[in-house]
Protein backbone atom coordinates (compact mmCIF):
# COMPACT_ATOMS: atom_id res chain seq x y z
CA UNK A 1 -6.63 0.09 37.02
CA UNK A 2 -9.33 -2.24 38.42
CA UNK A 3 -12.79 -0.71 38.83
CA UNK A 4 -14.17 -0.39 42.38
CA UNK A 5 -17.12 -2.68 41.71
CA UNK A 6 -15.04 -5.84 40.91
CA UNK A 7 -14.43 -6.86 44.56
CA UNK A 8 -18.11 -6.64 45.70
CA UNK A 9 -19.17 -8.60 42.59
CA UNK A 10 -16.66 -11.40 43.31
CA UNK A 11 -17.83 -11.67 46.91
CA UNK A 12 -21.46 -11.82 45.73
CA UNK A 13 -20.65 -14.62 43.26
CA UNK A 14 -18.90 -16.65 46.02
CA UNK A 15 -21.88 -16.30 48.31
CA UNK A 16 -24.21 -17.47 45.52
CA UNK A 17 -21.98 -20.49 44.89
CA UNK A 18 -21.93 -21.43 48.57
CA UNK A 19 -25.71 -21.15 48.81
CA UNK A 20 -26.14 -23.32 45.74
CA UNK A 21 -23.73 -25.90 47.14
CA UNK A 22 -25.61 -25.94 50.45
CA UNK A 23 -28.91 -26.55 48.63
CA UNK A 24 -27.34 -29.41 46.73
CA UNK A 25 -26.13 -30.98 49.93
CA UNK A 26 -29.55 -30.64 51.52
CA UNK A 27 -31.09 -32.49 48.63
CA UNK A 28 -28.72 -35.54 48.99
CA UNK A 29 -29.36 -38.40 51.48
CA UNK A 30 -28.48 -37.66 55.03
CA UNK A 31 -26.18 -40.71 55.39
CA UNK A 32 -23.18 -38.92 53.85
CA UNK A 33 -23.97 -35.50 55.32
CA UNK A 34 -20.98 -35.39 57.66
CA UNK A 35 -18.49 -36.06 54.93
CA UNK A 36 -20.11 -33.51 52.68
CA UNK A 37 -20.09 -30.94 55.44
CA UNK A 38 -16.44 -31.63 56.01
CA UNK A 39 -15.71 -31.16 52.34
CA UNK A 40 -17.87 -28.06 52.34
CA UNK A 41 -16.02 -26.64 55.30
CA UNK A 42 -12.72 -27.24 53.58
CA UNK A 43 -13.86 -25.54 50.47
CA UNK A 44 -15.22 -22.64 52.44
CA UNK A 45 -11.86 -22.22 54.17
CA UNK A 46 -10.06 -22.34 50.84
CA UNK A 47 -12.50 -19.87 49.31
CA UNK A 48 -12.14 -17.58 52.35
CA UNK A 49 -8.39 -17.64 52.00
CA UNK A 50 -8.71 -16.89 48.28
CA UNK A 51 -11.07 -14.03 49.05
CA UNK A 52 -8.64 -12.63 51.60
CA UNK A 53 -5.81 -12.76 49.08
CA UNK A 54 -8.04 -11.14 46.45
CA UNK A 55 -9.05 -8.40 48.87
CA UNK A 56 -5.43 -7.71 49.85
CA UNK A 57 -4.28 -7.55 46.26
CA UNK A 58 -7.22 -5.29 45.39
CA UNK A 59 -6.40 -2.93 48.23
CA UNK A 60 -2.75 -2.82 47.15
CA UNK A 61 -3.73 -1.98 43.57
CA UNK A 62 -6.15 0.71 44.81
CA UNK A 63 -3.44 2.32 46.96
CA UNK A 64 -1.00 2.26 44.03
CA UNK A 65 -3.65 3.82 41.76
CA UNK A 66 -4.31 6.55 44.36
CA UNK A 67 -0.60 7.40 44.44
CA UNK A 68 -0.42 7.53 40.63
CA UNK A 69 -3.53 9.68 40.49
CA UNK A 70 -2.12 12.10 43.11
CA UNK A 71 1.13 12.38 41.17
CA UNK A 72 -0.74 13.02 37.93
CA UNK A 73 -2.97 15.67 39.59
CA UNK A 74 0.09 17.39 41.04
CA UNK A 75 1.78 17.48 37.63
CA UNK A 76 -1.35 18.73 35.99
CA UNK A 77 -1.79 21.51 38.58
CA UNK A 78 1.84 22.56 38.14
CA UNK A 79 1.49 22.69 34.34
CA UNK A 80 -1.82 24.62 34.71
CA UNK A 81 -0.18 27.23 36.96
CA UNK A 82 2.64 27.67 34.45
CA UNK A 83 0.15 28.06 31.56
CA UNK A 84 -1.85 30.65 33.54
CA UNK A 85 1.29 32.64 34.33
CA UNK A 86 2.28 32.62 30.66
CA UNK A 87 -1.24 33.66 29.71
CA UNK A 88 -1.10 36.57 32.20
CA UNK A 89 2.19 37.74 30.71
CA UNK A 90 0.78 37.60 27.19
CA UNK A 91 -2.38 39.50 28.25
CA UNK A 92 -0.25 42.23 29.89
CA UNK A 93 1.76 42.60 26.70
CA UNK A 94 -1.48 42.72 24.64
CA UNK A 95 -2.97 45.40 26.92
CA UNK A 96 0.16 47.51 26.61
CA UNK A 97 0.15 47.22 22.79
CA UNK A 98 -3.58 47.99 22.67
CA UNK A 99 -3.06 51.09 24.86
CA UNK A 100 -0.32 52.33 22.54
CA UNK A 101 -2.50 51.77 19.44
CA UNK A 102 -5.46 53.48 21.15
CA UNK A 103 -3.31 56.52 22.00
CA UNK A 104 -2.19 56.78 18.37
CA UNK A 105 -5.79 56.49 17.12
CA UNK A 106 -7.00 59.07 19.64
CA UNK A 107 -4.35 61.52 18.50
CA UNK A 108 -5.26 60.96 14.82
CA UNK A 109 -8.97 61.36 15.62
CA UNK A 110 -8.31 64.57 17.57
CA UNK A 111 -6.34 65.96 14.63
CA UNK A 112 -9.14 65.10 12.20
CA UNK A 113 -11.79 66.61 14.52
CA UNK A 114 -9.73 69.80 14.86
CA UNK A 115 -9.39 70.10 11.09
CA UNK A 116 -13.12 69.38 10.61
CA UNK A 117 -14.09 71.97 13.24
CA UNK A 118 -11.89 74.58 11.57
CA UNK A 119 -13.36 73.86 8.13
CA UNK A 120 -16.88 73.87 9.57
CA UNK A 121 -16.28 77.22 11.32
CA UNK A 122 -15.06 78.76 8.08
CA UNK A 123 -18.04 77.34 6.15
CA UNK A 124 -20.45 78.61 8.81
CA UNK A 125 -18.89 82.07 8.70
CA UNK A 126 -19.31 82.23 4.92
CA UNK A 127 -22.83 80.86 5.20
CA UNK A 128 -23.70 83.47 7.85
CA UNK A 129 -22.43 86.24 5.61
CA UNK A 130 -24.54 84.96 2.72
CA UNK A 131 -27.57 84.60 4.99
CA UNK A 132 -27.15 88.16 6.29
CA UNK A 133 -26.92 89.49 2.75
CA UNK A 134 -29.94 87.47 1.61
CA UNK A 135 -31.87 88.51 4.73
CA UNK A 136 -31.26 92.18 4.04
CA UNK A 137 -32.48 91.83 0.46
CA UNK A 138 -35.46 89.74 1.56
CA UNK A 139 -36.32 92.26 4.28
CA UNK A 140 -36.39 95.10 1.80
CA UNK A 141 -38.49 93.06 -0.63
CA UNK A 142 -40.90 92.00 2.11
CA UNK A 143 -41.18 95.58 3.38
CA UNK A 144 -42.17 96.79 -0.06
CA UNK A 145 -44.58 93.90 -0.57
CA UNK A 146 -46.11 94.40 2.88
CA UNK A 147 -46.58 98.11 2.26
CA UNK A 148 -48.50 97.40 -0.92
CA UNK A 149 -50.42 94.59 0.74
CA UNK A 150 -51.35 96.84 3.68
CA UNK A 151 -52.70 99.44 1.29
CA UNK A 152 -54.81 96.85 -0.49
CA UNK A 153 -55.99 95.33 2.80
CA UNK A 154 -56.92 98.78 4.09
CA UNK A 155 -59.06 99.39 1.02
CA UNK A 156 -60.63 95.92 1.31
CA UNK A 157 -61.20 96.37 5.04
CA UNK A 158 -62.94 99.67 4.42
CA UNK A 159 -65.25 98.03 1.89
CA UNK A 160 -65.85 95.07 4.20
CA UNK A 161 -66.55 97.42 7.12
CA UNK A 162 -69.18 99.20 5.10
CA UNK A 163 -70.77 95.87 4.11
CA UNK A 164 -70.74 94.62 7.70
CA UNK A 165 -72.19 97.92 8.90
CA UNK A 166 -75.05 97.49 6.43
CA UNK A 167 -75.60 93.91 7.62
CA UNK A 168 -75.43 95.02 11.27
CA UNK A 169 -78.00 97.71 10.55
CA UNK A 170 -80.26 95.11 8.98
CA UNK A 171 -79.72 92.75 11.93
CA UNK A 172 -80.36 95.57 14.43
CA UNK A 173 -83.59 96.40 12.63
CA UNK A 174 -84.67 92.73 12.76
CA UNK A 175 -83.73 92.41 16.43
CA UNK A 176 -85.51 95.68 17.22
CA UNK A 177 -88.66 94.35 15.59
CA UNK A 178 -88.32 91.11 17.54
CA UNK A 179 -87.76 93.03 20.79
CA UNK A 180 -90.83 95.15 20.10
CA UNK A 181 -92.85 91.99 19.51
CA UNK A 182 -91.45 90.51 22.73
CA UNK A 183 -92.48 93.66 24.63
CA UNK A 184 -95.96 93.43 23.15
CA UNK A 185 -96.11 89.77 24.18
CA UNK A 186 -94.95 90.68 27.69
CA UNK A 187 -97.67 93.31 27.87
CA UNK A 188 -100.23 90.73 26.86
CA UNK A 189 -98.84 88.37 29.50
CA UNK A 190 -99.21 91.07 32.18
CA UNK A 191 -102.79 91.63 31.07
CA UNK A 192 -103.45 87.91 31.29
CA UNK A 193 -101.85 87.81 34.74
CA UNK A 194 -104.19 90.56 35.86
CA UNK A 195 -107.12 88.55 34.52
CA UNK A 196 -105.75 85.46 36.27
CA UNK A 197 -105.41 87.34 39.56
CA UNK A 198 -108.99 88.48 39.25
CA UNK A 199 -110.06 84.93 38.45
CA UNK A 200 -108.12 83.65 41.46
CA UNK A 201 -109.92 86.09 43.70
CA UNK A 202 -113.20 84.94 42.19
CA UNK A 203 -112.19 81.33 42.82
CA UNK A 204 -111.36 82.09 46.44
CA UNK A 205 -114.77 83.71 46.83
CA UNK A 206 -116.32 80.71 45.14
CA UNK A 207 -114.46 78.35 47.48
CA UNK A 208 -115.94 80.08 50.49
CA UNK A 209 -119.41 79.55 49.03
CA UNK A 210 -119.21 75.80 48.34
CA UNK A 211 -119.03 74.49 51.89
CA UNK A 212 -122.25 72.60 51.33
CA UNK A 213 -121.10 71.02 48.08
CA UNK A 214 -122.13 67.50 49.13
CA UNK A 215 -125.71 68.55 49.60
CA UNK A 216 -125.79 70.27 46.22
CA UNK A 217 -124.25 67.31 44.34
CA UNK A 218 -126.86 64.66 45.07
CA UNK A 219 -126.64 62.61 41.88
CA UNK A 220 -124.04 61.69 39.28
CA UNK A 221 -125.40 63.92 36.55
CA UNK A 222 -125.43 67.05 38.67
CA UNK A 223 -122.03 66.16 40.14
CA UNK A 224 -120.55 65.51 36.72
CA UNK A 225 -122.05 68.70 35.30
CA UNK A 226 -120.82 70.78 38.21
CA UNK A 227 -117.30 69.26 38.14
CA UNK A 228 -117.05 69.62 34.36
CA UNK A 229 -118.26 73.19 34.57
CA UNK A 230 -115.59 74.11 37.10
CA UNK A 231 -112.97 72.22 35.09
CA UNK A 232 -114.03 74.01 31.89
CA UNK A 233 -113.84 77.43 33.55
CA UNK A 234 -110.37 76.74 34.93
CA UNK A 235 -108.92 75.27 31.72
CA UNK A 236 -110.46 77.78 29.29
CA UNK A 237 -109.33 80.65 31.50
CA UNK A 238 -105.81 79.31 31.92
CA UNK A 239 -104.83 77.62 28.66
CA UNK A 240 -104.89 78.79 25.02
CA UNK A 241 -107.73 77.58 22.80
CA UNK A 242 -105.52 75.11 20.90
CA UNK A 243 -104.03 73.67 24.08
CA UNK A 244 -106.93 71.36 25.04
CA UNK A 245 -109.95 69.49 23.69
CA UNK A 246 -113.21 68.31 25.34
CA UNK A 247 -114.68 64.79 25.14
CA UNK A 248 -111.64 63.57 23.23
CA UNK A 249 -111.76 59.96 21.98
CA UNK A 250 -108.52 58.04 22.54
CA UNK A 251 -107.13 55.27 20.32
CA UNK A 252 -108.65 52.57 22.59
CA UNK A 253 -112.14 54.03 22.03
CA UNK A 254 -112.34 55.63 25.49
CA UNK A 255 -113.78 59.14 25.72
CA UNK A 256 -112.14 61.41 28.29
CA UNK A 257 -113.56 64.61 29.82
CA UNK A 258 -110.59 66.77 28.79
CA UNK A 259 -107.27 66.24 27.02
CA UNK A 260 -104.58 68.88 27.61
CA UNK A 261 -102.29 68.93 24.57
CA UNK A 262 -98.82 69.13 26.07
CA UNK A 263 -95.82 68.48 23.79
CA UNK A 264 -93.70 65.35 24.19
CA UNK A 265 -92.34 64.90 26.73
CA UNK A 266 -94.44 64.47 28.81
CA UNK A 267 -97.22 64.33 26.19
CA UNK A 268 -101.01 64.97 26.35
CA UNK A 269 -102.52 64.76 29.84
CA UNK A 270 -106.02 63.39 30.48
CA UNK A 271 -108.22 65.11 33.10
CA UNK A 272 -111.20 63.24 34.59
CA UNK A 273 -113.91 65.26 36.39
CA UNK A 274 -116.10 62.39 37.67
CA UNK A 275 -115.67 61.94 41.41
CA UNK A 276 -117.30 59.00 43.38
CA UNK A 277 -119.37 61.11 45.77
CA UNK A 278 -121.95 58.53 46.96
CA UNK A 279 -119.64 56.89 49.52
CA UNK A 280 -118.34 60.31 50.53
CA UNK A 281 -121.88 61.52 51.11
CA UNK A 282 -122.64 58.36 53.13
CA UNK A 283 -119.52 59.05 55.20
CA UNK A 284 -120.72 62.59 55.94
CA UNK A 285 -124.22 61.38 56.80
CA UNK A 286 -122.90 58.69 59.20
CA UNK A 287 -122.27 61.39 61.80
CA UNK A 288 -121.07 60.02 65.14
CA UNK A 289 -122.12 56.39 64.42
CA UNK A 290 -118.78 54.59 64.57
CA UNK A 291 -119.94 51.46 62.77
CA UNK A 292 -121.67 53.30 59.95
CA UNK A 293 -118.77 55.70 59.60
CA UNK A 294 -116.27 52.82 59.40
CA UNK A 295 -118.33 51.04 56.74
CA UNK A 296 -118.78 54.26 54.77
CA UNK A 297 -115.05 55.00 54.96
CA UNK A 298 -114.24 51.47 53.74
CA UNK A 299 -116.71 51.82 50.87
CA UNK A 300 -115.33 55.25 49.97
CA UNK A 301 -111.77 53.88 49.84
CA UNK A 302 -112.91 50.96 47.65
CA UNK A 303 -114.79 53.26 45.26
CA UNK A 304 -111.80 55.61 45.03
CA UNK A 305 -109.38 52.77 44.26
CA UNK A 306 -111.74 51.39 41.59
CA UNK A 307 -112.10 54.79 39.98
CA UNK A 308 -108.31 55.33 40.06
CA UNK A 309 -107.81 51.87 38.49
CA UNK A 310 -110.27 52.75 35.71
CA UNK A 311 -108.44 56.03 34.99
CA UNK A 312 -105.02 54.33 34.98
CA UNK A 313 -106.25 51.53 32.72
CA UNK A 314 -108.24 53.64 30.23
CA UNK A 315 -106.35 56.91 29.98
CA UNK A 316 -102.64 55.98 30.29
CA UNK A 317 -101.67 54.87 26.77
CA UNK A 318 -97.99 54.54 25.97
CA UNK A 319 -96.93 56.78 23.08
CA UNK A 320 -100.29 58.57 22.97
CA UNK A 321 -100.82 60.18 26.38
CA UNK A 322 -98.55 61.22 29.19
CA UNK A 323 -97.50 58.74 31.86
CA UNK A 324 -99.86 60.43 34.34
CA UNK A 325 -103.50 61.52 34.56
CA UNK A 326 -105.42 64.00 36.73
CA UNK A 327 -108.54 63.25 38.81
CA UNK A 328 -110.31 66.58 39.41
CA UNK A 329 -112.15 67.00 42.74
CA UNK A 330 -114.41 70.10 42.56
CA UNK A 331 -114.14 70.89 46.29
CA UNK A 332 -111.29 72.05 48.50
CA UNK A 333 -112.98 70.49 51.52
CA UNK A 334 -113.19 67.04 49.92
CA UNK A 335 -109.56 67.38 48.74
CA UNK A 336 -108.41 68.30 52.26
CA UNK A 337 -110.37 65.44 53.83
CA UNK A 338 -108.82 62.98 51.34
CA UNK A 339 -105.28 63.99 52.30
CA UNK A 340 -106.13 64.07 56.00
CA UNK A 341 -108.16 60.88 56.50
CA UNK A 342 -107.46 58.81 53.38
CA UNK A 343 -103.73 59.26 52.80
CA UNK A 344 -103.51 55.60 51.71
CA UNK A 345 -105.96 56.24 48.88
CA UNK A 346 -103.92 59.26 47.75
CA UNK A 347 -100.66 57.26 47.89
CA UNK A 348 -102.22 54.40 45.93
CA UNK A 349 -103.43 56.84 43.28
CA UNK A 350 -99.94 58.37 42.98
CA UNK A 351 -98.40 54.90 42.61
CA UNK A 352 -100.80 54.29 39.73
CA UNK A 353 -99.74 57.71 38.27
CA UNK A 354 -103.16 59.28 38.90
CA UNK A 355 -102.88 62.64 40.70
CA UNK A 356 -105.85 64.07 42.60
CA UNK A 357 -106.29 67.83 42.13
CA UNK A 358 -108.58 70.42 43.70
CA UNK A 359 -109.47 73.73 41.97
CA UNK A 360 -106.47 75.42 43.64
CA UNK A 361 -103.92 72.67 42.87
CA UNK A 362 -105.28 72.28 39.34
CA UNK A 363 -104.83 76.04 38.91
CA UNK A 364 -101.13 75.64 39.79
CA UNK A 365 -100.80 72.66 37.45
CA UNK A 366 -102.40 74.60 34.61
CA UNK A 367 -100.04 77.52 35.28
CA UNK A 368 -97.06 75.18 34.88
CA UNK A 369 -98.58 73.67 31.73
CA UNK A 370 -99.21 77.14 30.30
CA UNK A 371 -95.59 78.08 30.99
CA UNK A 372 -94.46 74.88 29.24
CA UNK A 373 -96.60 75.68 26.18
CA UNK A 374 -95.28 79.25 26.10
CA UNK A 375 -91.73 77.93 26.37
CA UNK A 376 -92.31 75.62 23.40
CA UNK A 377 -93.70 78.51 21.36
CA UNK A 378 -90.81 80.75 22.39
CA UNK A 379 -88.43 78.02 21.27
CA UNK A 380 -90.21 77.97 17.93
CA UNK A 381 -89.71 81.75 17.68
CA UNK A 382 -86.06 81.28 18.65
CA UNK A 383 -85.76 78.77 15.83
CA UNK A 384 -87.00 81.33 13.32
CA UNK A 385 -84.56 83.90 14.71
CA UNK A 386 -81.80 81.35 14.40
CA UNK A 387 -82.82 80.74 10.79
CA UNK A 388 -82.54 84.47 10.11
CA UNK A 389 -79.10 84.54 11.74
CA UNK A 390 -78.02 81.57 9.60
CA UNK A 391 -79.22 83.40 6.50
CA UNK A 392 -77.30 86.48 7.66
CA UNK A 393 -74.15 84.38 8.06
CA UNK A 394 -74.69 83.01 4.57
CA UNK A 395 -74.96 86.58 3.24
CA UNK A 396 -71.70 87.48 4.98
CA UNK A 397 -70.05 84.38 3.49
CA UNK A 398 -71.21 85.38 0.02
CA UNK A 399 -69.92 88.90 0.66
CA UNK A 400 -66.55 87.46 1.69
CA UNK A 401 -66.43 85.44 -1.54
CA UNK A 402 -67.19 88.52 -3.59
CA UNK A 403 -64.51 90.50 -1.72
CA UNK A 404 -61.98 87.75 -2.48
CA UNK A 405 -63.01 87.81 -6.15
CA UNK A 406 -62.65 91.61 -6.19
CA UNK A 407 -59.24 91.23 -4.53
CA UNK A 408 -58.12 88.90 -7.32
CA UNK A 409 -59.24 91.47 -9.90
CA UNK A 410 -57.33 94.20 -8.02
CA UNK A 411 -54.21 92.00 -7.88
CA UNK A 412 -54.42 91.32 -11.61
CA UNK A 413 -54.93 95.01 -12.36
CA UNK A 414 -51.95 95.89 -10.18
CA UNK A 415 -49.81 93.34 -12.04
CA UNK A 416 -50.91 94.81 -15.36
CA UNK A 417 -49.99 98.29 -14.12
CA UNK A 418 -46.52 97.08 -13.06
CA UNK A 419 -46.02 95.51 -16.50
CA UNK A 420 -47.11 98.78 -18.14
CA UNK A 421 -44.68 100.76 -15.95
CA UNK A 422 -41.82 98.43 -16.92
CA UNK A 423 -42.65 98.82 -20.62
CA UNK A 424 -42.91 102.60 -20.19
CA UNK A 425 -39.52 102.75 -18.48
CA UNK A 426 -37.95 100.82 -21.33
CA UNK A 427 -39.52 103.12 -23.87
CA UNK A 428 -38.33 106.18 -21.96
CA UNK A 429 -34.77 104.83 -21.73
CA UNK A 430 -34.77 103.96 -25.41
CA UNK A 431 -36.01 107.47 -26.27
CA UNK A 432 -33.27 109.00 -24.14
CA UNK A 433 -30.61 106.98 -25.90
CA UNK A 434 -31.98 108.06 -29.26
CA UNK A 435 -32.04 111.70 -28.12
CA UNK A 436 -28.41 111.58 -26.93
CA UNK A 437 -27.30 109.64 -30.05
CA UNK A 438 -26.14 106.60 -28.05
CA UNK A 439 -27.16 104.08 -30.67
CA UNK A 440 -24.81 101.20 -31.29
CA UNK A 441 -22.45 101.23 -34.37
CA UNK A 442 -24.07 99.10 -37.12
CA UNK A 443 -20.64 97.83 -38.10
CA UNK A 444 -19.95 96.55 -34.62
CA UNK A 445 -23.30 95.06 -33.70
CA UNK A 446 -26.20 93.70 -35.68
CA UNK A 447 -29.37 95.76 -35.44
CA UNK A 448 -31.91 94.43 -32.98
CA UNK A 449 -35.60 95.04 -32.68
CA UNK A 450 -36.37 94.78 -28.98
CA UNK A 451 -39.92 93.73 -28.28
CA UNK A 452 -41.95 95.32 -25.60
CA UNK A 453 -43.07 93.03 -22.85
C-alpha cells in the first residue's frame, strides 16, 4: 500500500527539476535558446505524460486499497459481533450459576443464623435466671447494709447537727455584734447629718451676708485668708480628721493649700483657695464704661487661664495625685458670674482637669468624697467579716475531718463486734454439741482443735 504523501512529493520534485533546468537555460548564450526551448518543451511533455500515468496508477492503487480496507473492516465487524454474542451468552450462564450459588449460601446462612439465635436465646434465658437470683441476694445484702449505714449516718448527722448548731450560734452572736455596731454607726451618721444640716443652714445664712465680698477682699492676703478659712470650715466639718492635710508638700516641691486623701482611684485631690480677684474687682468697678469693662473682662479671663495653667502644671502629678484638681471660689456670686459671663474660662479649666467650685458645690463634692471614704472603710470591715467567715468555714472543715475520723473508729468497732458475735456463735454451737453428746467418733475422724477467729 503506497502512502498518500508519495504523489505530492513526486510532483514537487518534478517542479524543482523543471525550475533548475530553466535556470540552466537562462544562463547559456541566447543563440541556441530556441533549440533548448524546443528540447525543454519536449521533455516537459514527456514528464507531463509520465506524471499523468503515475497519477492514474496511484489512484488505481488507492481505490484497490480502499476496497481491501472496506472488506477487512466488514470482516472484523462481523467477527466482533459474533464475539460479543458469545460473550453475552457466557455472561448469562455465569449470572445464572452465581444466582444458584447465592441462593445456596443464603439458605446456609439463614440456617446458621437461626441456630445461633436459638442458642443465644437459651443462653440469655439462663443468664437472666442467674441475674435474677443474684439480684435478689444482692438486694437483701444491700438492704441490710443500708439499714446499718442509715443508723450510723443518723447518729453522725445528729452529732454534726449539734456541731453546726453551735457554730451557727457563734456566727449569730458575731453577726449580732456586727449589726449592733452597724446600728451605732448609723446613729452616728444621723447625728452627723443633723450637724451637716445645721451647717448648711449656717452656710446659706452666710451666703446671704457676703454680697459685698469684693469690697471686703481688697488684697491677696485677706482674700487668701478668707478663702482658706471658708475652705477649712467646709473640709473640717465634712471630712474625717485623717482624710485631709493642710499645706501639703508634693513630690515636685510645690505646697498646696489642701490635699484630700482619697484612695486610688481616683487618688488624692488638691484644693487651691487662691482666686485672682484683682481683675474681677476691676471688672466690677468698670461700671457702665464699655471700654473699661471689656479690658477688665479680657484681663480677668487671662488671669484665670494663667491660674488654671499653674494649678494643672503644679498639682496634677501622675501616680501621686488624682487626675483633677479643685479651684475654690469663696463666693456664690463670683461663681455664678463665671458660669454666666465667662463660660469659655470654665470650659478651658475643665479641659485642663481643673474644676471651679463654690461653697455650695464644694459641699456636694465633699459629701461624695465622704461617702467614698466611708465605703472604703465599710469594705475594710467587710473584709474582716469575710475573714471571720473563712475561719468559720475552716472550723467546719476541721469538724468534718474529725467526724470522718470518728466514723472510721465506729466502723472498726462495728467490725470488731461482728467478729466477736461470730466467735460467740461458734462457741455456743460447740457447747451445744458437747451438751448433746454429738462429738465425732475418734476412730472415724482425727481430733481437731478449731481455732477461734
